[in-house]
Amino acid sequence: MRLLHTMLRVGDLQRSIDFYTRVLGMTLLRQTDRPDQKYSLAFVGYESNPAQAEIELTYNYGVAQYEIGTAYGHIALQVEDAVASCEKIRAAGGTITREAGPVKGGTTVIAFVQDPDGYKIELIQR
């Protein structure tokens, strides 16, 4: 077995595609519109399967906002330099919710950003 993708429900598909591609530097890998079923999908990532897992952005017609809930945590991305990544994301209009610095009780440098729907994304410096 291997991880294929993570699905996130989004309130505005184009806004989310813009964030993941323009702000986080992913590529729009493929997009599907299913008007009869009233939903649209967009898959984004740094590479397509099988090289890397993808993020599936799902827009259900007529739903502009979701409750994220208390069970969802975050998606993690490896970055070379967390401080520089935060600066680049901020300059592109992204929201930093935790500045780069060591994880509590450790030395690994992390930061957190938030996508337009409120999903958290952890940047882990490696």
Protein backbone atom coordinates (compact mmCIF):
# COMPACT_ATOMS: atom_id res chain seq x y z
CA MET A 1 0.00 0.00 0.00
CA ARG A 2 0.98 3.63 -0.45
CA LEU A 3 -0.62 7.02 0.10
CA LEU A 4 -2.28 8.37 -3.08
CA HIS A 5 -3.96 11.63 -2.07
CA THR A 6 -5.64 13.69 0.62
CA MET A 7 -9.03 15.24 -0.16
CA LEU A 8 -10.05 18.70 1.07
CA ARG A 9 -13.51 20.19 0.55
CA VAL A 10 -13.19 23.80 -0.58
CA GLY A 11 -15.62 26.70 -0.90
CA ASP A 12 -14.14 28.22 -4.07
CA LEU A 13 -12.23 25.89 -6.37
CA GLN A 14 -10.34 28.54 -8.33
CA ARG A 15 -9.30 30.36 -5.16
CA SER A 16 -7.90 27.10 -3.78
CA ILE A 17 -6.15 26.19 -7.04
CA ASP A 18 -4.56 29.66 -7.02
CA PHE A 19 -3.35 29.23 -3.43
CA TYR A 20 -1.84 25.78 -3.89
CA THR A 21 -0.22 26.63 -7.24
CA ARG A 22 0.73 30.30 -6.90
CA VAL A 23 1.45 30.50 -3.16
CA LEU A 24 2.76 26.99 -2.44
CA GLY A 25 4.26 26.31 -5.87
CA MET A 26 2.33 23.14 -6.67
CA THR A 27 1.16 22.22 -10.16
CA LEU A 28 -2.45 21.74 -11.23
CA LEU A 29 -2.21 18.09 -12.29
CA ARG A 30 -5.76 17.55 -13.55
CA GLN A 31 -9.26 18.94 -13.17
CA THR A 32 -12.70 17.40 -13.64
CA ASP A 33 -16.16 18.96 -13.61
CA ARG A 34 -19.15 16.71 -12.90
CA PRO A 35 -22.24 18.93 -13.39
CA ASP A 36 -24.69 16.01 -13.22
CA GLN A 37 -23.30 15.05 -9.82
CA LYS A 38 -22.85 18.74 -8.80
CA TYR A 39 -19.17 18.72 -7.95
CA SER A 40 -15.77 19.61 -9.40
CA LEU A 41 -12.33 18.21 -8.60
CA ALA A 42 -8.82 19.54 -8.99
CA PHE A 43 -5.69 17.57 -8.14
CA VAL A 44 -2.59 19.54 -7.19
CA GLY A 45 0.90 18.49 -6.15
CA TYR A 46 4.61 18.80 -6.75
CA GLU A 47 4.56 15.68 -8.92
CA SER A 48 1.79 13.29 -9.87
CA ASN A 49 1.33 9.77 -8.65
CA PRO A 50 3.23 7.53 -8.36
CA ALA A 51 6.15 9.90 -7.65
CA GLN A 52 4.34 11.77 -4.86
CA ALA A 53 0.97 11.90 -3.17
CA GLU A 54 -1.46 14.58 -4.38
CA ILE A 55 -4.08 16.85 -2.83
CA GLU A 56 -7.61 16.50 -4.20
CA LEU A 57 -9.58 19.75 -3.93
CA THR A 58 -13.32 19.04 -4.05
CA TYR A 59 -15.89 21.75 -4.69
CA ASN A 60 -19.51 20.75 -4.12
CA TYR A 61 -21.83 23.09 -6.02
CA GLY A 62 -23.46 25.67 -3.79
CA VAL A 63 -21.30 25.07 -0.70
CA ALA A 64 -19.13 28.10 0.03
CA GLN A 65 -17.81 27.11 3.46
CA TYR A 66 -17.15 24.05 5.62
CA GLU A 67 -16.58 23.49 9.31
CA ILE A 68 -13.10 22.02 9.62
CA GLY A 69 -13.83 20.32 12.93
CA THR A 70 -11.57 19.35 15.76
CA ALA A 71 -10.30 16.07 14.32
CA TYR A 72 -8.43 17.56 11.36
CA GLY A 73 -4.80 18.44 12.06
CA HIS A 74 -2.71 19.51 9.09
CA ILE A 75 -0.88 18.58 5.92
CA ALA A 76 2.94 18.65 6.18
CA LEU A 77 5.34 19.83 3.47
CA GLN A 78 9.11 19.45 3.52
CA VAL A 79 10.96 22.72 2.84
CA GLU A 80 14.64 23.54 2.60
CA ASP A 81 14.40 26.79 4.61
CA ALA A 82 11.29 27.47 6.72
CA VAL A 83 12.06 31.17 7.24
CA ALA A 84 12.57 31.79 3.50
CA SER A 85 9.46 29.74 2.69
CA CYS A 86 7.37 31.86 5.08
CA GLU A 87 8.70 35.05 3.50
CA LYS A 88 7.88 33.78 0.01
CA ILE A 89 4.39 32.61 1.05
CA ARG A 90 3.66 35.93 2.81
CA ALA A 91 4.85 37.90 -0.23
CA ALA A 92 2.47 35.85 -2.41
CA GLY A 93 -0.47 36.73 -0.13
CA GLY A 94 -0.47 33.62 2.06
CA THR A 95 -1.23 33.65 5.77
CA ILE A 96 1.43 32.51 8.25
CA THR A 97 -0.15 31.25 11.48
CA ARG A 98 3.10 30.20 13.20
CA GLU A 99 6.43 31.75 12.31
CA ALA A 100 9.38 29.48 11.63
CA GLY A 101 11.14 28.22 14.74
CA PRO A 102 11.97 25.07 16.66
CA VAL A 103 9.16 22.70 17.58
CA LYS A 104 8.34 22.77 21.29
CA GLY A 105 10.68 20.43 23.13
CA GLY A 106 12.87 19.80 20.07
CA THR A 107 15.15 21.29 17.45
CA THR A 108 13.27 20.66 14.20
CA VAL A 109 12.34 23.98 12.60
CA ILE A 110 8.67 24.22 11.60
CA ALA A 111 6.14 26.86 10.59
CA PHE A 112 2.42 26.83 9.81
CA VAL A 113 0.45 28.47 7.04
CA GLN A 114 -3.28 28.47 6.39
CA ASP A 115 -5.06 28.01 3.08
CA PRO A 116 -8.10 30.13 2.07
CA ASP A 117 -10.52 27.59 3.58
CA GLY A 118 -8.72 27.49 6.93
CA TYR A 119 -6.79 24.24 6.48
CA LYS A 120 -3.41 24.24 8.24
CA ILE A 121 -0.23 23.32 6.40
CA GLU A 122 2.95 22.60 8.35
CA LEU A 123 6.31 23.46 6.80
CA ILE A 124 9.07 21.19 8.11
CA GLN A 125 12.64 22.26 7.44
CA ARG A 126 14.86 19.35 6.31
